[in-house]
């Protein structure tokens, strides 16, 4: 009977050790997922800002071209 109880304790201890390792791995995986999600948000924000800057640059170039057209006399 004592041997049987000792065997059960050993199984329990092994199980608890395995569960502790799995919980640690899960926590690590969750942290990496959180970091990936934060990086995705950061990159999406950069993309939006970049697109806005490109639009602004395009508008400025068009404005500059319009001003050049107004200043440059027709060659007709």
N, C-alpha and C. Protein backbone atom coordinates (compact mmCIF):
# COMPACT_ATOMS: atom_id res chain seq x y z
N UNK A 1 0.82 -1.20 0.00
CA UNK A 1 0.00 0.00 0.00
C UNK A 1 0.87 1.27 0.00
N UNK A 2 1.92 1.28 0.79
CA UNK A 2 2.80 2.43 0.85
C UNK A 2 3.46 2.66 -0.52
N UNK A 3 3.84 1.60 -1.19
CA UNK A 3 4.47 1.71 -2.50
C UNK A 3 3.50 2.31 -3.50
N UNK A 4 2.24 1.92 -3.38
CA UNK A 4 1.21 2.44 -4.27
C UNK A 4 1.02 3.94 -4.04
N UNK A 5 1.00 4.37 -2.81
CA UNK A 5 0.84 5.79 -2.48
C UNK A 5 2.05 6.58 -2.96
N UNK A 6 3.24 6.02 -2.75
CA UNK A 6 4.46 6.69 -3.22
C UNK A 6 4.44 6.84 -4.74
N UNK A 7 3.96 5.83 -5.44
CA UNK A 7 3.84 5.89 -6.90
C UNK A 7 2.87 6.98 -7.33
N UNK A 8 1.76 7.09 -6.58
CA UNK A 8 0.77 8.13 -6.89
C UNK A 8 1.37 9.52 -6.67
N UNK A 9 2.16 9.67 -5.60
CA UNK A 9 2.80 10.95 -5.32
C UNK A 9 3.79 11.30 -6.43
N UNK A 10 4.54 10.33 -6.86
CA UNK A 10 5.50 10.54 -7.93
C UNK A 10 4.80 10.98 -9.21
N UNK A 11 3.70 10.30 -9.54
CA UNK A 11 2.93 10.68 -10.73
C UNK A 11 2.40 12.11 -10.59
N UNK A 12 1.89 12.43 -9.39
CA UNK A 12 1.37 13.77 -9.15
C UNK A 12 2.47 14.81 -9.31
N UNK A 13 3.62 14.54 -8.73
CA UNK A 13 4.73 15.49 -8.80
C UNK A 13 5.18 15.68 -10.26
N UNK A 14 5.26 14.60 -11.00
CA UNK A 14 5.63 14.68 -12.42
C UNK A 14 4.59 15.49 -13.19
N UNK A 15 3.32 15.20 -12.91
CA UNK A 15 2.23 15.92 -13.57
C UNK A 15 2.29 17.41 -13.26
N UNK A 16 2.51 17.75 -11.99
CA UNK A 16 2.56 19.16 -11.58
C UNK A 16 3.77 19.86 -12.22
N UNK A 17 4.88 19.17 -12.33
CA UNK A 17 6.06 19.75 -12.98
C UNK A 17 5.76 20.03 -14.45
N UNK A 18 5.16 19.04 -15.11
CA UNK A 18 4.80 19.21 -16.53
C UNK A 18 3.82 20.37 -16.70
N UNK A 19 2.84 20.46 -15.82
CA UNK A 19 1.86 21.54 -15.91
C UNK A 19 2.53 22.90 -15.70
N UNK A 20 3.47 22.96 -14.79
CA UNK A 20 4.20 24.21 -14.56
C UNK A 20 4.98 24.63 -15.80
N UNK A 21 5.62 23.65 -16.45
CA UNK A 21 6.36 23.95 -17.68
C UNK A 21 5.42 24.43 -18.78
N UNK A 22 4.29 23.75 -18.91
CA UNK A 22 3.32 24.14 -19.95
C UNK A 22 2.75 25.53 -19.68
N UNK A 23 2.48 25.82 -18.43
CA UNK A 23 1.98 27.16 -18.09
C UNK A 23 3.01 28.24 -18.43
N UNK A 24 4.28 27.93 -18.16
CA UNK A 24 5.35 28.87 -18.50
C UNK A 24 5.44 29.09 -20.00
N UNK A 25 5.32 28.00 -20.77
CA UNK A 25 5.36 28.11 -22.22
C UNK A 25 4.16 28.91 -22.73
N UNK A 26 2.99 28.68 -22.14
CA UNK A 26 1.80 29.41 -22.55
C UNK A 26 1.95 30.90 -22.25
N UNK A 27 2.49 31.21 -21.10
CA UNK A 27 2.70 32.62 -20.73
C UNK A 27 3.67 33.27 -21.71
N UNK A 28 4.75 32.58 -22.05
CA UNK A 28 5.73 33.10 -23.00
C UNK A 28 5.08 33.32 -24.37
N UNK A 29 4.29 32.36 -24.81
CA UNK A 29 3.61 32.48 -26.10
C UNK A 29 2.63 33.66 -26.10
N UNK A 30 1.91 33.84 -25.02
CA UNK A 30 0.97 34.96 -24.91
C UNK A 30 1.71 36.30 -24.95
N UNK A 31 2.87 36.35 -24.29
CA UNK A 31 3.67 37.59 -24.32
C UNK A 31 4.15 37.88 -25.73
N UNK A 32 4.58 36.85 -26.46
CA UNK A 32 5.03 37.06 -27.84
C UNK A 32 3.87 37.50 -28.73
N UNK A 33 2.69 36.93 -28.50
CA UNK A 33 1.52 37.35 -29.29
C UNK A 33 1.17 38.80 -29.01
N UNK A 34 1.26 39.20 -27.76
CA UNK A 34 0.97 40.59 -27.39
C UNK A 34 1.97 41.54 -28.06
N UNK A 35 3.25 41.18 -28.03
CA UNK A 35 4.26 42.01 -28.68
C UNK A 35 4.02 42.09 -30.19
N UNK A 36 3.62 40.97 -30.79
CA UNK A 36 3.35 40.96 -32.23
C UNK A 36 2.15 41.86 -32.55
N UNK A 37 1.13 41.81 -31.71
CA UNK A 37 -0.06 42.65 -31.93
C UNK A 37 0.31 44.13 -31.79
N UNK A 38 1.13 44.44 -30.80
CA UNK A 38 1.57 45.84 -30.62
C UNK A 38 2.40 46.30 -31.81
N UNK A 39 3.25 45.44 -32.31
CA UNK A 39 4.08 45.80 -33.46
C UNK A 39 3.21 46.00 -34.70
N UNK A 40 2.18 45.18 -34.84
CA UNK A 40 1.26 45.32 -35.98
C UNK A 40 0.57 46.68 -35.93
N UNK A 41 0.10 47.07 -34.76
CA UNK A 41 -0.56 48.37 -34.60
C UNK A 41 0.41 49.50 -34.94
N UNK A 42 1.67 49.37 -34.47
CA UNK A 42 2.67 50.39 -34.74
C UNK A 42 2.95 50.52 -36.24
N UNK A 43 3.07 49.37 -36.90
CA UNK A 43 3.34 49.39 -38.34
C UNK A 43 2.16 49.92 -39.14
N UNK A 44 0.94 49.57 -38.71
CA UNK A 44 -0.25 50.10 -39.39
C UNK A 44 -0.30 51.62 -39.25
N UNK A 45 0.04 52.12 -38.07
CA UNK A 45 0.06 53.57 -37.85
C UNK A 45 1.09 54.23 -38.76
N UNK A 46 2.27 53.62 -38.85
CA UNK A 46 3.31 54.16 -39.73
C UNK A 46 2.85 54.17 -41.18
N UNK A 47 2.16 53.12 -41.59
CA UNK A 47 1.67 53.04 -42.97
C UNK A 47 0.68 54.16 -43.25
N UNK A 48 -0.22 54.41 -42.31
CA UNK A 48 -1.21 55.48 -42.49
C UNK A 48 -0.51 56.83 -42.55
N UNK A 49 0.46 57.04 -41.65
CA UNK A 49 1.19 58.31 -41.64
C UNK A 49 1.96 58.49 -42.95
N UNK A 50 2.56 57.42 -43.42
CA UNK A 50 3.32 57.49 -44.67
C UNK A 50 2.40 57.82 -45.84
N UNK A 51 1.24 57.18 -45.85
CA UNK A 51 0.28 57.46 -46.93
C UNK A 51 -0.16 58.91 -46.90
N UNK A 52 -0.40 59.44 -45.70
CA UNK A 52 -0.81 60.83 -45.56
C UNK A 52 0.30 61.76 -46.05
N UNK A 53 1.55 61.43 -45.74
CA UNK A 53 2.66 62.26 -46.20
C UNK A 53 2.79 62.20 -47.72
N UNK A 54 2.56 61.03 -48.29
CA UNK A 54 2.62 60.90 -49.74
C UNK A 54 1.54 61.74 -50.40
N UNK A 55 0.35 61.73 -49.82
CA UNK A 55 -0.75 62.54 -50.37
C UNK A 55 -0.40 64.02 -50.27
N UNK A 56 0.14 64.43 -49.14
CA UNK A 56 0.54 65.82 -48.95
C UNK A 56 1.61 66.21 -49.95
N UNK A 57 2.59 65.35 -50.15
CA UNK A 57 3.66 65.60 -51.10
C UNK A 57 3.09 65.73 -52.52
N UNK A 58 2.17 64.88 -52.86
CA UNK A 58 1.55 64.94 -54.19
C UNK A 58 0.81 66.26 -54.38
N UNK A 59 0.07 66.69 -53.36
CA UNK A 59 -0.65 67.95 -53.45
C UNK A 59 0.31 69.13 -53.60
N UNK A 60 1.42 69.08 -52.85
CA UNK A 60 2.40 70.16 -52.95
C UNK A 60 3.05 70.20 -54.32
N UNK A 61 3.33 69.03 -54.88
CA UNK A 61 3.92 69.00 -56.22
C UNK A 61 2.94 69.56 -57.26
N UNK A 62 1.67 69.21 -57.12
CA UNK A 62 0.65 69.73 -58.05
C UNK A 62 0.53 71.24 -57.91
N UNK A 63 0.56 71.71 -56.68
CA UNK A 63 0.47 73.15 -56.44
C UNK A 63 1.68 73.87 -57.05
N UNK A 64 2.85 73.29 -56.86
CA UNK A 64 4.06 73.86 -57.43
C UNK A 64 3.98 73.90 -58.95
N UNK A 65 3.50 72.83 -59.54
CA UNK A 65 3.38 72.79 -61.00
C UNK A 65 2.37 73.83 -61.49
N UNK A 66 1.28 74.00 -60.77
CA UNK A 66 0.28 75.02 -61.13
C UNK A 66 0.89 76.41 -61.05
N UNK A 67 1.68 76.65 -60.01
CA UNK A 67 2.31 77.96 -59.87
C UNK A 67 3.32 78.19 -61.00
N UNK A 68 4.06 77.14 -61.35
CA UNK A 68 5.01 77.27 -62.46
C UNK A 68 4.28 77.56 -63.78
N UNK A 69 3.15 76.89 -63.96
CA UNK A 69 2.36 77.11 -65.16
C UNK A 69 1.85 78.53 -65.24
N UNK A 70 1.47 79.10 -64.09
CA UNK A 70 0.98 80.47 -64.07
C UNK A 70 2.10 81.46 -64.36
N UNK A 71 3.30 81.18 -63.87
CA UNK A 71 4.41 82.09 -64.03
C UNK A 71 5.04 81.98 -65.42
N UNK A 72 5.12 80.81 -65.95
CA UNK A 72 5.74 80.58 -67.25
C UNK A 72 4.81 81.05 -68.36
N UNK A 73 5.30 81.93 -69.23
CA UNK A 73 4.43 82.38 -70.32
C UNK A 73 4.22 81.25 -71.31
N UNK A 74 3.06 81.31 -71.96
CA UNK A 74 2.75 80.31 -73.01
C UNK A 74 3.74 80.45 -74.14
N UNK A 75 4.09 79.35 -74.73
CA UNK A 75 5.03 79.35 -75.85
C UNK A 75 4.29 79.15 -77.16
N UNK A 76 3.00 79.43 -77.17
CA UNK A 76 2.19 79.24 -78.38
C UNK A 76 2.32 80.40 -79.31
